[in-house]
Amino acid sequence: AAPAAARGSPVVAELARDLQPRYHAAGGGGVFYAREPYRNPRAHVTRFIGLGGVGNKDKQKWLHALGLVAATGMPPTALHQQPPDTTQSPYNVPAVAAGAATDAGDEFNHSQLRWEEPKAKKARIAANVDRRPIQGDVDKTVYVKNLAFRADEGALAEFFAQCGDLVDLRLGRGDDGRSRGFCHVAYITEEGAARALQLSESSFFGRDIVVEMAKSEEVRGAERDAKRAAGRPPMPPPTGCWFCLSNDKDAHLVASIATESFVSMDKGGVVPDHCQVVPVEHVPSFAAMSPSTAEEVFKYIAAIRQCFAAGGGGVQYRLPQ
């Protein structure tokens, strides 16, 4: 493949370096490509988007929508938001070392490149994740969920700035820097927050978002405590259970009933004298049993082993050691 310098335009590169646009779209490559945002000297980021040809046979994306808001109408906090995956500007390349090849057909001097350990990169991204609390009043802040994971702070600020001036915007991100699908948007006025609520169920990056008023940390903490105190609700018993004691059709198979479990013969035994120990309460798994039920089941199993070891059962055979 030809080097990038041979395919690109030095004039366009110079314009992008000097103008520092917020968005840069190109269609000369014939493929769809959205690189990571890169940082400009003016502190805002540029998002480069390459689009395929209209109606191309390879089904490369050739149409891209942007909800643009003038930079003059954006608060500095929103304008200067930088996602964790922001890179340095590709136009700020290091100077070519003396004696290195400069012609387009020569190989690039890799001595200026730096390789980063994956663990160090992960730690750097985690350190850059914005974990500060949202600035602004809670009665002027909205909570947005069901966000597309590719929606970053800049796109969110542009979208919600149509409702009013923003105080702050906080996108929830994990330690890996990826979006968690929700954000908080704080407005200067209550009217701005009220207009933002009207955007609920509107499509944003291909998803129908949900917008509701934010809750204070005290309210959220009280709700978490209430959920912990209530515990997990019990599972409703299944209908038509073959093993339930209320199933009168199979009552003749029950051999023994204890307090929290019982033993019954199996309707279609895999081996002779096949029996089963069943808890009285419906539980999804053995791990979900209460300690007392599990103890009783183990006692049943031990007693059945002793029975067969002593020669009990309809068929005589030795238990596997």
Protein backbone atom coordinates (compact mmCIF):
# COMPACT_ATOMS: atom_id res chain seq x y z
CA ALA A 1 0.00 0.00 0.00
CA ALA A 2 1.15 3.52 -0.72
CA PRO A 3 2.32 5.59 2.28
CA ALA A 4 -0.23 7.96 3.79
CA ALA A 5 1.76 10.97 2.58
CA ALA A 6 1.40 9.74 -0.99
CA ARG A 7 -2.40 9.41 -0.72
CA GLY A 8 -3.20 12.41 1.45
CA SER A 9 -3.23 16.08 0.63
CA PRO A 10 -0.55 18.29 2.25
CA VAL A 11 -2.78 21.30 1.62
CA VAL A 12 -5.74 19.79 3.49
CA ALA A 13 -3.43 18.67 6.28
CA GLU A 14 -2.11 22.22 6.64
CA LEU A 15 -5.65 23.61 6.72
CA ALA A 16 -6.74 21.11 9.38
CA ARG A 17 -3.68 21.94 11.48
CA ASP A 18 -4.25 25.70 11.25
CA LEU A 19 -8.06 25.88 11.40
CA GLN A 20 -8.46 23.22 14.11
CA PRO A 21 -12.08 22.33 13.24
CA ARG A 22 -14.31 20.40 15.62
CA TYR A 23 -15.31 18.03 12.81
CA HIS A 24 -13.40 17.00 9.71
CA ALA A 25 -15.21 14.86 7.12
CA ALA A 26 -13.59 13.37 4.02
CA GLY A 27 -14.77 11.10 1.22
CA GLY A 28 -11.76 10.58 -0.98
CA GLY A 29 -10.69 7.26 0.56
CA GLY A 30 -13.85 5.39 -0.37
CA VAL A 31 -14.17 3.73 3.08
CA PHE A 32 -15.85 4.60 6.36
CA TYR A 33 -13.39 5.47 9.12
CA ALA A 34 -13.92 7.29 12.43
CA ARG A 35 -10.65 7.77 14.27
CA GLU A 36 -10.28 8.65 17.93
CA PRO A 37 -10.74 12.36 18.70
CA TYR A 38 -7.47 14.27 18.71
CA ARG A 39 -6.48 17.24 20.85
CA ASN A 40 -5.90 20.68 19.35
CA PRO A 41 -3.74 23.50 20.74
CA ARG A 42 -6.97 25.45 21.44
CA ALA A 43 -7.96 22.70 23.95
CA HIS A 44 -10.96 21.35 22.03
CA VAL A 45 -10.93 18.08 20.10
CA THR A 46 -11.40 17.29 16.42
CA ARG A 47 -13.35 14.26 15.21
CA PHE A 48 -12.31 12.95 11.81
CA ILE A 49 -14.85 10.96 9.82
CA GLY A 50 -14.12 9.31 6.48
CA LEU A 51 -17.10 8.25 4.37
CA GLY A 52 -17.49 5.74 1.59
CA GLY A 53 -18.81 6.53 -1.88
CA VAL A 54 -22.57 7.00 -2.30
CA GLY A 55 -24.23 3.65 -3.06
CA ASN A 56 -20.92 1.76 -2.95
CA LYS A 57 -21.03 -2.01 -3.49
CA ASP A 58 -19.04 -2.74 -0.32
CA LYS A 59 -21.83 -1.18 1.79
CA GLN A 60 -19.41 1.24 3.40
CA LYS A 61 -21.22 3.89 5.41
CA TRP A 62 -21.59 6.99 3.24
CA LEU A 63 -24.05 9.08 5.29
CA HIS A 64 -23.36 10.53 8.73
CA ALA A 65 -25.58 12.92 10.71
CA LEU A 66 -24.25 15.55 13.10
CA GLY A 67 -26.22 17.66 15.58
CA LEU A 68 -24.07 20.77 15.34
CA VAL A 69 -24.17 23.62 17.82
CA ALA A 70 -22.06 26.73 17.32
CA ALA A 71 -19.04 26.87 19.60
CA THR A 72 -20.08 30.36 20.68
CA GLY A 73 -23.26 28.88 22.15
CA MET A 74 -21.51 26.17 24.16
CA PRO A 75 -20.16 26.59 27.70
CA PRO A 76 -16.38 26.14 28.01
CA THR A 77 -16.82 22.95 30.05
CA ALA A 78 -18.73 21.32 27.21
CA LEU A 79 -16.53 22.71 24.44
CA HIS A 80 -13.31 21.50 26.05
CA GLN A 81 -14.54 18.05 27.08
CA GLN A 82 -11.96 15.43 26.07
CA PRO A 83 -12.92 11.73 26.02
CA PRO A 84 -10.44 9.29 27.64
CA ASP A 85 -9.42 7.93 24.22
CA THR A 86 -8.35 11.37 22.99
CA THR A 87 -5.00 11.31 21.21
CA GLN A 88 -2.42 13.87 20.25
CA SER A 89 -2.96 15.67 16.97
CA PRO A 90 -1.70 13.56 14.06
CA TYR A 91 -0.40 16.75 12.46
CA ASN A 92 2.00 17.46 15.31
CA VAL A 93 4.52 14.86 14.13
CA PRO A 94 8.06 14.95 15.50
CA ALA A 95 10.73 16.55 13.40
CA VAL A 96 12.53 14.19 11.03
CA ALA A 97 15.97 13.30 12.30
CA ALA A 98 18.95 14.53 10.39
CA GLY A 99 19.88 12.26 7.53
CA ALA A 100 16.50 10.43 7.60
CA ALA A 101 14.62 9.82 4.38
CA THR A 102 11.99 12.44 3.54
CA ASP A 103 10.74 11.37 0.12
CA ALA A 104 7.26 9.86 -0.02
CA GLY A 105 8.60 6.64 -1.42
CA ASP A 106 11.11 6.06 1.41
CA GLU A 107 10.40 4.28 4.66
CA PHE A 108 9.25 6.24 7.69
CA ASN A 109 11.72 6.77 10.52
CA HIS A 110 10.24 4.73 13.41
CA SER A 111 12.78 5.90 15.98
CA GLN A 112 10.37 8.61 17.15
CA LEU A 113 7.55 6.19 17.89
CA ARG A 114 6.86 4.97 21.45
CA TRP A 115 5.29 1.64 22.38
CA GLU A 116 3.21 1.50 25.54
CA GLU A 117 2.68 -1.53 27.75
CA PRO A 118 -0.99 -2.64 27.79
CA LYS A 119 -1.13 -2.46 31.60
CA ALA A 120 0.36 1.03 31.59
CA LYS A 121 -2.13 2.12 28.93
CA LYS A 122 -5.02 0.71 30.96
CA ALA A 123 -3.81 2.53 34.07
CA ARG A 124 -3.39 5.78 32.14
CA ILE A 125 -6.93 5.56 30.75
CA ALA A 126 -8.38 4.77 34.18
CA ALA A 127 -6.54 7.75 35.69
CA ASN A 128 -8.02 10.06 33.05
CA VAL A 129 -11.63 8.97 33.66
CA ASP A 130 -13.59 11.93 35.03
CA ARG A 131 -14.92 10.84 38.44
CA ARG A 132 -15.75 14.23 39.89
CA PRO A 133 -19.35 14.89 40.99
CA ILE A 134 -21.59 16.80 38.60
CA GLN A 135 -21.52 20.56 39.10
CA GLY A 136 -24.79 22.45 39.39
CA ASP A 137 -28.10 22.25 41.24
CA VAL A 138 -29.92 18.92 41.38
CA ASP A 139 -33.27 20.57 40.54
CA LYS A 140 -31.70 21.79 37.27
CA THR A 141 -29.98 18.51 36.38
CA VAL A 142 -31.35 15.69 34.25
CA TYR A 143 -30.34 12.03 34.16
CA VAL A 144 -30.11 10.41 30.73
CA LYS A 145 -29.93 6.65 30.17
CA ASN A 146 -30.02 4.16 27.28
CA LEU A 147 -27.28 6.09 25.52
CA ALA A 148 -25.37 4.58 22.63
CA PHE A 149 -21.87 3.66 23.79
CA ARG A 150 -20.28 5.66 20.95
CA ALA A 151 -21.95 8.90 22.07
CA ASP A 152 -19.22 10.98 23.75
CA GLU A 153 -19.24 14.19 25.76
CA GLY A 154 -18.95 16.48 22.75
CA ALA A 155 -21.91 14.95 20.93
CA LEU A 156 -24.00 14.98 24.11
CA ALA A 157 -23.18 18.61 24.81
CA GLU A 158 -24.19 19.61 21.29
CA PHE A 159 -27.45 17.67 21.53
CA PHE A 160 -28.58 18.96 24.94
CA ALA A 161 -27.36 22.53 24.41
CA GLN A 162 -30.45 23.07 22.25
CA CYS A 163 -32.48 23.16 25.48
CA GLY A 164 -30.42 25.81 27.23
CA ASP A 165 -27.00 26.79 28.54
CA LEU A 166 -25.14 24.00 30.31
CA VAL A 167 -23.33 24.23 33.61
CA ASP A 168 -21.73 20.81 33.38
CA LEU A 169 -22.02 17.41 31.73
CA ARG A 170 -20.82 14.11 33.18
CA LEU A 171 -20.77 10.91 31.13
CA GLY A 172 -20.55 7.71 33.15
CA ARG A 173 -17.46 5.72 32.16
CA GLY A 174 -15.85 2.54 33.44
CA ASP A 175 -12.21 2.03 34.35
CA ASP A 176 -11.51 1.11 30.72
CA GLY A 177 -12.72 4.53 29.61
CA ARG A 178 -15.77 3.16 27.83
CA SER A 179 -19.19 4.69 28.22
CA ARG A 180 -21.62 2.99 30.60
CA GLY A 181 -24.64 4.30 28.71
CA PHE A 182 -25.79 7.11 31.00
CA CYS A 183 -24.93 10.73 31.79
CA HIS A 184 -25.96 13.75 33.89
CA VAL A 185 -26.56 17.15 32.30
CA ALA A 186 -26.75 20.26 34.50
CA TYR A 187 -28.42 23.44 33.21
CA ILE A 188 -28.22 27.03 34.36
CA THR A 189 -32.00 27.36 34.58
CA GLU A 190 -34.90 25.09 35.50
CA GLU A 191 -36.46 25.90 32.12
CA GLY A 192 -33.51 24.30 30.37
CA ALA A 193 -33.93 21.11 32.39
CA ALA A 194 -37.68 21.11 31.67
CA ARG A 195 -37.03 21.36 27.92
CA ALA A 196 -34.50 18.53 28.18
CA LEU A 197 -37.18 16.29 29.71
CA GLN A 198 -39.17 16.68 26.49
CA LEU A 199 -36.32 14.95 24.63
CA SER A 200 -37.12 11.66 26.37
CA GLU A 201 -37.84 8.82 23.92
CA SER A 202 -36.23 10.79 21.09
CA SER A 203 -33.66 9.03 18.91
CA PHE A 204 -30.01 9.82 19.57
CA PHE A 205 -27.26 7.82 17.86
CA GLY A 206 -29.86 5.23 16.89
CA ARG A 207 -31.29 4.71 20.39
CA ASP A 208 -34.41 6.02 22.09
CA ILE A 209 -32.99 7.79 25.12
CA VAL A 210 -34.72 8.21 28.48
CA VAL A 211 -34.49 11.60 30.19
CA GLU A 212 -35.65 12.16 33.75
CA MET A 213 -34.87 14.49 36.61
CA ALA A 214 -31.73 13.63 38.52
CA LYS A 215 -31.86 12.56 42.15
CA SER A 216 -29.70 13.84 44.94
CA GLU A 217 -27.07 11.60 46.48
CA GLU A 218 -29.13 11.41 49.67
CA VAL A 219 -32.21 10.17 47.81
CA ARG A 220 -30.21 7.61 45.82
CA GLY A 221 -28.51 6.39 48.97
CA ALA A 222 -31.87 5.97 50.73
CA GLU A 223 -33.22 3.98 47.76
CA ARG A 224 -30.17 1.70 47.78
CA ASP A 225 -30.56 1.09 51.52
CA ALA A 226 -34.25 0.30 51.07
CA LYS A 227 -33.48 -2.27 48.36
CA ARG A 228 -30.85 -3.93 50.54
CA ALA A 229 -33.23 -4.06 53.49
CA ALA A 230 -36.03 -5.55 51.40
CA GLY A 231 -33.75 -8.23 49.99
CA ARG A 232 -34.44 -10.28 46.92
CA PRO A 233 -38.14 -11.13 46.51
CA PRO A 234 -38.91 -14.86 46.67
CA MET A 235 -39.30 -16.63 43.35
CA PRO A 236 -42.87 -17.66 42.53
CA PRO A 237 -43.30 -21.44 42.55
CA PRO A 238 -43.52 -23.00 39.08
CA THR A 239 -46.78 -24.46 37.88
CA GLY A 240 -47.15 -28.15 37.06
CA CYS A 241 -44.07 -29.25 39.00
CA TRP A 242 -43.58 -33.03 38.77
CA PHE A 243 -41.66 -33.11 42.05
CA CYS A 244 -43.99 -30.95 44.15
CA LEU A 245 -45.70 -32.65 47.08
CA SER A 246 -48.97 -31.11 45.96
CA ASN A 247 -48.88 -33.30 42.85
CA ASP A 248 -51.25 -36.07 44.01
CA LYS A 249 -50.61 -38.16 40.91
CA ASP A 250 -47.07 -39.04 42.05
CA ALA A 251 -47.66 -39.21 45.80
CA HIS A 252 -47.15 -42.99 45.73
CA LEU A 253 -43.49 -42.44 44.72
CA VAL A 254 -42.65 -40.57 47.95
CA ALA A 255 -40.63 -42.75 50.29
CA SER A 256 -39.79 -40.37 53.14
CA ILE A 257 -40.69 -36.82 54.18
CA ALA A 258 -38.60 -34.70 56.55
CA THR A 259 -38.98 -31.09 57.66
CA GLU A 260 -37.52 -29.29 54.63
CA SER A 261 -36.95 -32.07 52.07
CA PHE A 262 -38.22 -35.49 51.02
CA VAL A 263 -37.07 -38.63 49.16
CA SER A 264 -38.99 -40.11 46.26
CA MET A 265 -38.41 -42.71 43.61
CA ASP A 266 -37.81 -41.43 40.10
CA LYS A 267 -40.54 -41.96 37.48
CA GLY A 268 -37.99 -43.00 34.85
CA GLY A 269 -34.94 -44.14 36.74
CA VAL A 270 -31.58 -44.13 35.01
CA VAL A 271 -30.32 -47.02 37.18
CA PRO A 272 -32.10 -49.54 39.40
CA ASP A 273 -33.31 -48.07 42.71
CA HIS A 274 -32.88 -44.56 41.33
CA CYS A 275 -34.19 -42.10 43.93
CA GLN A 276 -34.01 -38.34 44.41
CA VAL A 277 -33.76 -35.95 47.33
CA VAL A 278 -35.94 -32.90 46.71
CA PRO A 279 -36.33 -29.73 48.83
CA VAL A 280 -39.89 -28.84 49.76
CA GLU A 281 -39.36 -25.16 48.83
CA HIS A 282 -38.79 -24.42 45.15
CA VAL A 283 -35.23 -23.17 44.65
CA PRO A 284 -33.41 -22.52 41.33
CA SER A 285 -30.20 -24.28 42.37
CA PHE A 286 -28.45 -26.07 45.21
CA ALA A 287 -26.54 -22.87 46.02
CA ALA A 288 -29.86 -21.09 46.62
CA MET A 289 -30.92 -23.47 49.40
CA SER A 290 -30.99 -22.28 52.95
CA PRO A 291 -28.26 -23.73 55.20
CA SER A 292 -30.79 -25.80 57.16
CA THR A 293 -32.28 -27.30 53.96
CA ALA A 294 -28.83 -28.12 52.59
CA GLU A 295 -27.88 -29.81 55.89
CA GLU A 296 -31.03 -31.94 55.80
CA VAL A 297 -30.40 -32.94 52.16
CA PHE A 298 -26.87 -34.04 53.05
CA LYS A 299 -28.24 -36.13 55.92
CA TYR A 300 -30.65 -37.83 53.53
CA ILE A 301 -27.82 -38.58 51.09
CA ALA A 302 -25.66 -40.01 53.88
CA ALA A 303 -28.53 -42.21 55.08
CA ILE A 304 -29.20 -43.51 51.56
CA ARG A 305 -25.53 -44.37 51.14
CA GLN A 306 -25.54 -46.27 54.42
CA CYS A 307 -28.69 -48.10 53.34
CA PHE A 308 -27.20 -49.35 50.09
CA ALA A 309 -23.85 -50.11 51.72
CA ALA A 310 -25.69 -52.37 54.21
CA GLY A 311 -27.37 -54.29 51.39
CA GLY A 312 -30.62 -52.37 51.20
CA GLY A 313 -32.49 -51.71 47.97
CA GLY A 314 -34.21 -53.95 45.45
CA VAL A 315 -31.04 -54.69 43.42
CA GLN A 316 -27.79 -55.80 45.00
CA TYR A 317 -24.73 -53.92 43.73
CA ARG A 318 -21.66 -52.30 45.17
CA LEU A 319 -21.44 -48.54 45.50
CA PRO A 320 -18.54 -46.95 43.62
CA GLN A 321 -15.72 -46.03 45.97
